[in-house]
Amino acid sequence: MKRLFLLSTLLLFSTILLAQNVQMHYDLGKGRSYLTSTVEMFRPDKHGSTFFFIDMDYNVGDVEGVSLAYWELARGLKFWDSPFELHLEYNGGFGQFKNTPFNGAYTINDAWLFGGNYTWNTADFSKIFTLQAMYKNIRGKNANSFQLTGVWTVMMLDGKVAFTGFADFWKEDMVFGNKTTDFVFLAEPQLWYNFNKNFAAGGEVELSSNFGGMEGFNVMPTLGLKYTF
């Protein structure tokens, strides 16, 4: 549930004070069946923009309450009039599990990213696409990695329907039993129906490969509600 709001809010630039939202998703993926909340904010200024999101999973397994918390903070920076922008980003989080007698907690390795992005849009901002290329440092795993990210927004039916999403591809060592993989792919296309400027219903499909402790390719759909302030 990440980065989607960054581009869709550009479409609403004239009402940027409303550029924060809260989402609640119910995960329909095999063996999941839990809730995930997302809080997002995007705020532009004369030297770029600031974006963050916080994801929390609830009641995974036998955990009562928050079982995982993850956040990303990104800063776009430029001192020129151009679709090119410098990009700085931090990712990190932690989780807990209960599976008696092996209860415990874990961290999601901190990651620092630096690079640039290019944004293309139609004149009416009904279609927007951003491509990011970044150096990535994953603490304790991959000191010299990379990440490629694409983010899109397509507004349809006079803004009533929004097709948004992102796709990430990066290098990270992952171990599954006796097998080690080198790359991770994650995409989350979302489709929303906007009842008004504040309330929307829809969902997403998480498409991943070697992500989140799951080996190989996986498809995880959700149903969601979104409120934009």
C-alpha atoms as a PDB file:
ATOM      1  CA  MET A   1       0.000   0.000   0.000  1.00  0.00           C
ATOM      2  CA  LYS A   2       2.780   2.327  -0.761  1.00  0.00           C
ATOM      3  CA  ARG A   3       3.687   5.234  -3.106  1.00  0.00           C
ATOM      4  CA  LEU A   4       0.265   5.164  -4.726  1.00  0.00           C
ATOM      5  CA  PHE A   5      -0.826   8.376  -3.107  1.00  0.00           C
ATOM      6  CA  LEU A   6       2.286  10.253  -4.219  1.00  0.00           C
ATOM      7  CA  LEU A   7       1.150  10.508  -7.821  1.00  0.00           C
ATOM      8  CA  SER A   8      -2.590  10.575  -7.366  1.00  0.00           C
ATOM      9  CA  THR A   9      -2.283  13.706  -5.241  1.00  0.00           C
ATOM     10  CA  LEU A  10      -0.548  15.509  -8.093  1.00  0.00           C
ATOM     11  CA  LEU A  11      -3.874  15.274  -9.885  1.00  0.00           C
ATOM     12  CA  LEU A  12      -5.409  17.169  -6.963  1.00  0.00           C
ATOM     13  CA  PHE A  13      -2.610  19.744  -6.721  1.00  0.00           C
ATOM     14  CA  SER A  14      -5.037  22.631  -6.381  1.00  0.00           C
ATOM     15  CA  THR A  15      -6.401  21.039  -3.207  1.00  0.00           C
ATOM     16  CA  ILE A  16      -3.080  19.834  -1.822  1.00  0.00           C
ATOM     17  CA  LEU A  17      -4.116  20.582   1.774  1.00  0.00           C
ATOM     18  CA  LEU A  18      -6.214  17.426   1.458  1.00  0.00           C
ATOM     19  CA  ALA A  19      -3.116  15.376   0.638  1.00  0.00           C
ATOM     20  CA  GLN A  20      -3.279  12.892   3.496  1.00  0.00           C
ATOM     21  CA  ASN A  21      -5.261   9.663   3.646  1.00  0.00           C
ATOM     22  CA  VAL A  22      -5.988   6.594   5.751  1.00  0.00           C
ATOM     23  CA  GLN A  23      -6.665   3.174   4.224  1.00  0.00           C
ATOM     24  CA  MET A  24      -7.907  -0.093   5.725  1.00  0.00           C
ATOM     25  CA  HIS A  25      -7.402  -3.318   3.763  1.00  0.00           C
ATOM     26  CA  TYR A  26      -8.604  -6.844   4.424  1.00  0.00           C
ATOM     27  CA  ASP A  27      -6.101  -9.339   3.052  1.00  0.00           C
ATOM     28  CA  LEU A  28      -7.700 -12.196   1.114  1.00  0.00           C
ATOM     29  CA  GLY A  29      -4.436 -13.996   0.396  1.00  0.00           C
ATOM     30  CA  LYS A  30      -4.041 -17.681   1.217  1.00  0.00           C
ATOM     31  CA  GLY A  31      -3.315 -18.117   4.909  1.00  0.00           C
ATOM     32  CA  ARG A  32      -3.495 -14.378   5.616  1.00  0.00           C
ATOM     33  CA  SER A  33      -7.024 -13.065   6.425  1.00  0.00           C
ATOM     34  CA  TYR A  34      -5.929 -10.045   8.448  1.00  0.00           C
ATOM     35  CA  LEU A  35      -6.305  -6.258   8.402  1.00  0.00           C
ATOM     36  CA  THR A  36      -3.689  -3.758   7.283  1.00  0.00           C
ATOM     37  CA  SER A  37      -3.956  -0.013   7.891  1.00  0.00           C
ATOM     38  CA  THR A  38      -2.036   2.569   5.880  1.00  0.00           C
ATOM     39  CA  VAL A  39      -1.453   6.245   6.683  1.00  0.00           C
ATOM     40  CA  GLU A  40       0.016   8.355   3.870  1.00  0.00           C
ATOM     41  CA  MET A  41       1.054  11.974   3.423  1.00  0.00           C
ATOM     42  CA  PHE A  42       2.390  13.892   0.431  1.00  0.00           C
ATOM     43  CA  ARG A  43       3.395  17.541   0.684  1.00  0.00           C
ATOM     44  CA  PRO A  44       5.151  19.568  -2.045  1.00  0.00           C
ATOM     45  CA  ASP A  45       7.151  22.746  -1.512  1.00  0.00           C
ATOM     46  CA  LYS A  46       9.308  25.066  -3.593  1.00  0.00           C
ATOM     47  CA  HIS A  47      12.308  22.712  -3.421  1.00  0.00           C
ATOM     48  CA  GLY A  48      10.601  19.378  -4.010  1.00  0.00           C
ATOM     49  CA  SER A  49       8.293  17.204  -1.932  1.00  0.00           C
ATOM     50  CA  THR A  50       8.048  15.043   1.194  1.00  0.00           C
ATOM     51  CA  PHE A  51       6.236  11.717   1.261  1.00  0.00           C
ATOM     52  CA  PHE A  52       5.755   9.065   3.914  1.00  0.00           C
ATOM     53  CA  PHE A  53       3.547   6.092   4.639  1.00  0.00           C
ATOM     54  CA  ILE A  54       3.114   3.788   7.636  1.00  0.00           C
ATOM     55  CA  ASP A  55       1.710   0.260   7.284  1.00  0.00           C
ATOM     56  CA  MET A  56       0.491  -1.816  10.223  1.00  0.00           C
ATOM     57  CA  ASP A  57      -0.727  -5.423  10.134  1.00  0.00           C
ATOM     58  CA  TYR A  58      -3.143  -6.586  12.844  1.00  0.00           C
ATOM     59  CA  ASN A  59      -3.849  -9.958  14.519  1.00  0.00           C
ATOM     60  CA  VAL A  60      -1.558 -12.067  12.361  1.00  0.00           C
ATOM     61  CA  GLY A  61      -1.466 -15.591  13.751  1.00  0.00           C
ATOM     62  CA  ASP A  62      -2.009 -15.516  17.506  1.00  0.00           C
ATOM     63  CA  VAL A  63      -0.822 -11.924  17.953  1.00  0.00           C
ATOM     64  CA  GLU A  64      -3.482  -9.705  19.501  1.00  0.00           C
ATOM     65  CA  GLY A  65      -3.004  -6.202  18.121  1.00  0.00           C
ATOM     66  CA  VAL A  66      -0.227  -4.845  15.876  1.00  0.00           C
ATOM     67  CA  SER A  67       1.871  -7.693  14.508  1.00  0.00           C
ATOM     68  CA  LEU A  68       3.960  -5.673  12.046  1.00  0.00           C
ATOM     69  CA  ALA A  69       4.796  -1.985  11.618  1.00  0.00           C
ATOM     70  CA  TYR A  70       6.665  -0.646   8.584  1.00  0.00           C
ATOM     71  CA  TRP A  71       7.316   2.849   7.280  1.00  0.00           C
ATOM     72  CA  GLU A  72       8.968   4.678   4.419  1.00  0.00           C
ATOM     73  CA  LEU A  73      10.066   8.305   4.353  1.00  0.00           C
ATOM     74  CA  ALA A  74      11.092   9.938   1.078  1.00  0.00           C
ATOM     75  CA  ARG A  75      12.279  13.404   0.114  1.00  0.00           C
ATOM     76  CA  GLY A  76      12.327  14.711  -3.443  1.00  0.00           C
ATOM     77  CA  LEU A  77      14.727  17.618  -3.964  1.00  0.00           C
ATOM     78  CA  LYS A  78      15.318  20.012  -6.861  1.00  0.00           C
ATOM     79  CA  PHE A  79      16.342  23.618  -7.391  1.00  0.00           C
ATOM     80  CA  TRP A  80      15.369  23.784 -11.046  1.00  0.00           C
ATOM     81  CA  ASP A  81      12.324  23.604 -13.321  1.00  0.00           C
ATOM     82  CA  SER A  82      12.529  20.089 -14.718  1.00  0.00           C
ATOM     83  CA  PRO A  83      10.790  16.686 -14.534  1.00  0.00           C
ATOM     84  CA  PHE A  84      14.043  15.322 -13.029  1.00  0.00           C
ATOM     85  CA  GLU A  85      14.378  15.273  -9.242  1.00  0.00           C
ATOM     86  CA  LEU A  86      16.864  13.961  -6.672  1.00  0.00           C
ATOM     87  CA  HIS A  87      15.422  11.269  -4.413  1.00  0.00           C
ATOM     88  CA  LEU A  88      16.336  10.325  -0.816  1.00  0.00           C
ATOM     89  CA  GLU A  89      14.521   7.522   1.027  1.00  0.00           C
ATOM     90  CA  TYR A  90      14.528   5.480   4.228  1.00  0.00           C
ATOM     91  CA  ASN A  91      12.709   2.139   4.835  1.00  0.00           C
ATOM     92  CA  GLY A  92      12.436   0.153   8.067  1.00  0.00           C
ATOM     93  CA  GLY A  93      10.181  -1.625  10.528  1.00  0.00           C
ATOM     94  CA  PHE A  94       9.680  -4.472  12.972  1.00  0.00           C
ATOM     95  CA  GLY A  95       7.242  -7.252  13.816  1.00  0.00           C
ATOM     96  CA  GLN A  96       6.312  -9.850  16.395  1.00  0.00           C
ATOM     97  CA  PHE A  97       4.966 -13.397  16.288  1.00  0.00           C
ATOM     98  CA  LYS A  98       3.365 -15.927  18.616  1.00  0.00           C
ATOM     99  CA  ASN A  99       3.759 -19.596  17.825  1.00  0.00           C
ATOM    100  CA  THR A 100       4.267 -21.265  21.197  1.00  0.00           C
ATOM    101  CA  PRO A 101       6.911 -22.085  22.309  1.00  0.00           C
ATOM    102  CA  PHE A 102       8.694 -19.905  19.727  1.00  0.00           C
ATOM    103  CA  ASN A 103       7.251 -16.460  20.448  1.00  0.00           C
ATOM    104  CA  GLY A 104       9.449 -13.523  19.553  1.00  0.00           C
ATOM    105  CA  ALA A 105      10.113 -10.363  17.570  1.00  0.00           C
ATOM    106  CA  TYR A 106      12.142  -9.387  14.534  1.00  0.00           C
ATOM    107  CA  THR A 107      13.323  -6.284  12.685  1.00  0.00           C
ATOM    108  CA  ILE A 108      13.067  -5.395   9.019  1.00  0.00           C
ATOM    109  CA  ASN A 109      16.547  -4.384   7.902  1.00  0.00           C
ATOM    110  CA  ASP A 110      16.945  -0.625   7.591  1.00  0.00           C
ATOM    111  CA  ALA A 111      17.456   0.511   4.010  1.00  0.00           C
ATOM    112  CA  TRP A 112      18.789   3.832   2.728  1.00  0.00           C
ATOM    113  CA  LEU A 113      18.253   4.817  -0.889  1.00  0.00           C
ATOM    114  CA  PHE A 114      19.624   7.630  -3.021  1.00  0.00           C
ATOM    115  CA  GLY A 115      19.097   8.392  -6.697  1.00  0.00           C
ATOM    116  CA  GLY A 116      16.823  10.283  -9.011  1.00  0.00           C
ATOM    117  CA  ASN A 117      13.410  10.168 -10.624  1.00  0.00           C
ATOM    118  CA  TYR A 118      11.739  11.355 -13.802  1.00  0.00           C
ATOM    119  CA  THR A 119       8.017  12.169 -13.942  1.00  0.00           C
ATOM    120  CA  TRP A 120       5.837  12.254 -17.051  1.00  0.00           C
ATOM    121  CA  ASN A 121       2.208  13.398 -17.121  1.00  0.00           C
ATOM    122  CA  THR A 122      -0.513  14.434 -19.515  1.00  0.00           C
ATOM    123  CA  ALA A 123      -1.555  18.081 -19.584  1.00  0.00           C
ATOM    124  CA  ASP A 124      -4.619  17.425 -17.391  1.00  0.00           C
ATOM    125  CA  PHE A 125      -2.694  15.125 -14.995  1.00  0.00           C
ATOM    126  CA  SER A 126      -5.137  12.288 -15.686  1.00  0.00           C
ATOM    127  CA  LYS A 127      -2.161  10.033 -16.474  1.00  0.00           C
ATOM    128  CA  ILE A 128       1.085  10.218 -14.503  1.00  0.00           C
ATOM    129  CA  PHE A 129       4.157   7.999 -14.469  1.00  0.00           C
ATOM    130  CA  THR A 130       7.332   8.262 -12.418  1.00  0.00           C
ATOM    131  CA  LEU A 131      10.478   6.175 -12.874  1.00  0.00           C
ATOM    132  CA  GLN A 132      13.072   6.003 -10.083  1.00  0.00           C
ATOM    133  CA  ALA A 133      16.603   4.558 -10.201  1.00  0.00           C
ATOM    134  CA  MET A 134      18.383   4.354  -6.845  1.00  0.00           C
ATOM    135  CA  TYR A 135      21.444   3.069  -5.047  1.00  0.00           C
ATOM    136  CA  LYS A 136      20.307   1.016  -2.041  1.00  0.00           C
ATOM    137  CA  ASN A 137      22.118   0.102   1.189  1.00  0.00           C
ATOM    138  CA  ILE A 138      20.401  -2.635   3.229  1.00  0.00           C
ATOM    139  CA  ARG A 139      21.899  -2.753   6.713  1.00  0.00           C
ATOM    140  CA  GLY A 140      23.471  -6.100   7.543  1.00  0.00           C
ATOM    141  CA  LYS A 141      22.698  -7.649   4.148  1.00  0.00           C
ATOM    142  CA  ASN A 142      23.592  -5.752   0.977  1.00  0.00           C
ATOM    143  CA  ALA A 143      25.822  -2.714   1.301  1.00  0.00           C
ATOM    144  CA  ASN A 144      25.858  -2.091  -2.463  1.00  0.00           C
ATOM    145  CA  SER A 145      22.462  -2.807  -3.924  1.00  0.00           C
ATOM    146  CA  PHE A 146      20.042  -1.040  -6.255  1.00  0.00           C
ATOM    147  CA  GLN A 147      16.325  -0.494  -6.713  1.00  0.00           C
ATOM    148  CA  LEU A 148      14.205   0.405  -9.734  1.00  0.00           C
ATOM    149  CA  THR A 149      10.703   1.740  -9.088  1.00  0.00           C
ATOM    150  CA  GLY A 150       7.832   2.698 -11.346  1.00  0.00           C
ATOM    151  CA  VAL A 151       4.731   4.500 -10.032  1.00  0.00           C
ATOM    152  CA  TRP A 152       1.587   5.286 -12.024  1.00  0.00           C
ATOM    153  CA  THR A 153      -1.823   6.922 -11.795  1.00  0.00           C
ATOM    154  CA  VAL A 154      -4.598   6.721 -14.401  1.00  0.00           C
ATOM    155  CA  MET A 155      -7.844   8.610 -13.688  1.00  0.00           C
ATOM    156  CA  MET A 156     -10.973   7.459 -15.541  1.00  0.00           C
ATOM    157  CA  LEU A 157     -14.671   8.341 -15.782  1.00  0.00           C
ATOM    158  CA  ASP A 158     -14.137  12.004 -14.873  1.00  0.00           C
ATOM    159  CA  GLY A 159     -12.103  11.105 -11.814  1.00  0.00           C
ATOM    160  CA  LYS A 160     -14.577   8.588 -10.403  1.00  0.00           C
ATOM    161  CA  VAL A 161     -12.207   5.645 -10.953  1.00  0.00           C
ATOM    162  CA  ALA A 162      -8.510   5.666 -10.139  1.00  0.00           C
ATOM    163  CA  PHE A 163      -6.053   2.999 -11.273  1.00  0.00           C
ATOM    164  CA  THR A 164      -2.872   3.502  -9.304  1.00  0.00           C
ATOM    165  CA  GLY A 165       0.108   1.380  -8.438  1.00  0.00           C
ATOM    166  CA  PHE A 166       3.817   0.851  -8.135  1.00  0.00           C
ATOM    167  CA  ALA A 167       6.362  -1.809  -9.060  1.00  0.00           C
ATOM    168  CA  ASP A 168       9.721  -2.317  -7.280  1.00  0.00           C
ATOM    169  CA  PHE A 169      12.649  -4.469  -8.364  1.00  0.00           C
ATOM    170  CA  TRP A 170      15.727  -4.620  -6.179  1.00  0.00           C
ATOM    171  CA  LYS A 171      18.750  -6.720  -5.232  1.00  0.00           C
ATOM    172  CA  GLU A 172      18.587  -8.391  -1.803  1.00  0.00           C
ATOM    173  CA  ASP A 173      19.923 -11.716  -0.555  1.00  0.00           C
ATOM    174  CA  MET A 174      17.026 -13.918   0.596  1.00  0.00           C
ATOM    175  CA  VAL A 175      17.345 -17.426   2.065  1.00  0.00           C
ATOM    176  CA  PHE A 176      14.609 -20.074   1.721  1.00  0.00           C
ATOM    177  CA  GLY A 177      15.787 -23.299   3.329  1.00  0.00           C
ATOM    178  CA  ASN A 178      18.919 -24.342   1.439  1.00  0.00           C
ATOM    179  CA  LYS A 179      18.185 -21.956  -1.428  1.00  0.00           C
ATOM    180  CA  THR A 180      19.435 -18.378  -1.785  1.00  0.00           C
ATOM    181  CA  THR A 181      17.890 -15.838  -4.127  1.00  0.00           C
ATOM    182  CA  ASP A 182      19.370 -12.507  -5.211  1.00  0.00           C
ATOM    183  CA  PHE A 183      16.451 -10.358  -6.358  1.00  0.00           C
ATOM    184  CA  VAL A 184      13.034  -9.272  -5.096  1.00  0.00           C
ATOM    185  CA  PHE A 185      10.041  -8.022  -7.072  1.00  0.00           C
ATOM    186  CA  LEU A 186       6.954  -6.345  -5.611  1.00  0.00           C
ATOM    187  CA  ALA A 187       4.021  -4.665  -7.367  1.00  0.00           C
ATOM    188  CA  GLU A 188       0.750  -3.405  -5.903  1.00  0.00           C
ATOM    189  CA  PRO A 189      -1.780  -2.201  -8.506  1.00  0.00           C
ATOM    190  CA  GLN A 190      -4.842  -0.626  -6.884  1.00  0.00           C
ATOM    191  CA  LEU A 191      -8.303   0.194  -8.244  1.00  0.00           C
ATOM    192  CA  TRP A 192     -10.511   2.723  -6.398  1.00  0.00           C
ATOM    193  CA  TYR A 193     -14.013   4.048  -6.942  1.00  0.00           C
ATOM    194  CA  ASN A 194     -14.269   7.607  -5.605  1.00  0.00           C
ATOM    195  CA  PHE A 195     -17.724   8.242  -4.155  1.00  0.00           C
ATOM    196  CA  ASN A 196     -16.659  11.846  -3.457  1.00  0.00           C
ATOM    197  CA  LYS A 197     -13.433  13.776  -2.821  1.00  0.00           C
ATOM    198  CA  ASN A 198     -13.008  12.121   0.589  1.00  0.00           C
ATOM    199  CA  PHE A 199     -14.272   8.537   0.452  1.00  0.00           C
ATOM    200  CA  ALA A 200     -13.293   5.661  -1.853  1.00  0.00           C
ATOM    201  CA  ALA A 201     -13.676   1.876  -1.957  1.00  0.00           C
ATOM    202  CA  GLY A 202     -11.654  -0.654  -3.882  1.00  0.00           C
ATOM    203  CA  GLY A 203      -8.619  -2.783  -3.253  1.00  0.00           C
ATOM    204  CA  GLU A 204      -5.281  -3.978  -4.509  1.00  0.00           C
ATOM    205  CA  VAL A 205      -3.458  -7.064  -5.702  1.00  0.00           C
ATOM    206  CA  GLU A 206       0.001  -7.696  -4.283  1.00  0.00           C
ATOM    207  CA  LEU A 207       2.192  -9.384  -6.900  1.00  0.00           C
ATOM    208  CA  SER A 208       5.533 -10.488  -5.500  1.00  0.00           C
ATOM    209  CA  SER A 209       8.530 -12.712  -6.005  1.00  0.00           C
ATOM    210  CA  ASN A 210      10.757 -13.713  -3.057  1.00  0.00           C
ATOM    211  CA  PHE A 211       9.155 -11.061  -0.859  1.00  0.00           C
ATOM    212  CA  GLY A 212       8.034 -11.117   2.763  1.00  0.00           C
ATOM    213  CA  GLY A 213       9.412 -14.573   3.522  1.00  0.00           C
ATOM    214  CA  MET A 214       7.507 -16.150   0.600  1.00  0.00           C
ATOM    215  CA  GLU A 215       9.586 -17.957  -2.001  1.00  0.00           C
ATOM    216  CA  GLY A 216       8.735 -17.600  -5.659  1.00  0.00           C
ATOM    217  CA  PHE A 217       5.823 -15.765  -7.235  1.00  0.00           C
ATOM    218  CA  ASN A 218       2.738 -15.012  -5.127  1.00  0.00           C
ATOM    219  CA  VAL A 219      -0.580 -13.190  -5.679  1.00  0.00           C
ATOM    220  CA  MET A 220      -2.332 -11.630  -2.652  1.00  0.00           C
ATOM    221  CA  PRO A 221      -5.561  -9.603  -3.236  1.00  0.00           C
ATOM    222  CA  THR A 222      -7.218  -7.229  -0.747  1.00  0.00           C
ATOM    223  CA  LEU A 223     -10.455  -5.291  -0.333  1.00  0.00           C
ATOM    224  CA  GLY A 224     -10.088  -1.763   0.975  1.00  0.00           C
ATOM    225  CA  LEU A 225     -11.618   1.528   2.057  1.00  0.00           C
ATOM    226  CA  LYS A 226      -9.864   4.908   1.850  1.00  0.00           C
ATOM    227  CA  TYR A 227     -10.584   8.269   3.443  1.00  0.00           C
ATOM    228  CA  THR A 228      -8.756  11.372   2.201  1.00  0.00           C
ATOM    229  CA  PHE A 229      -8.602  14.363   4.552  1.00  0.00           C
END
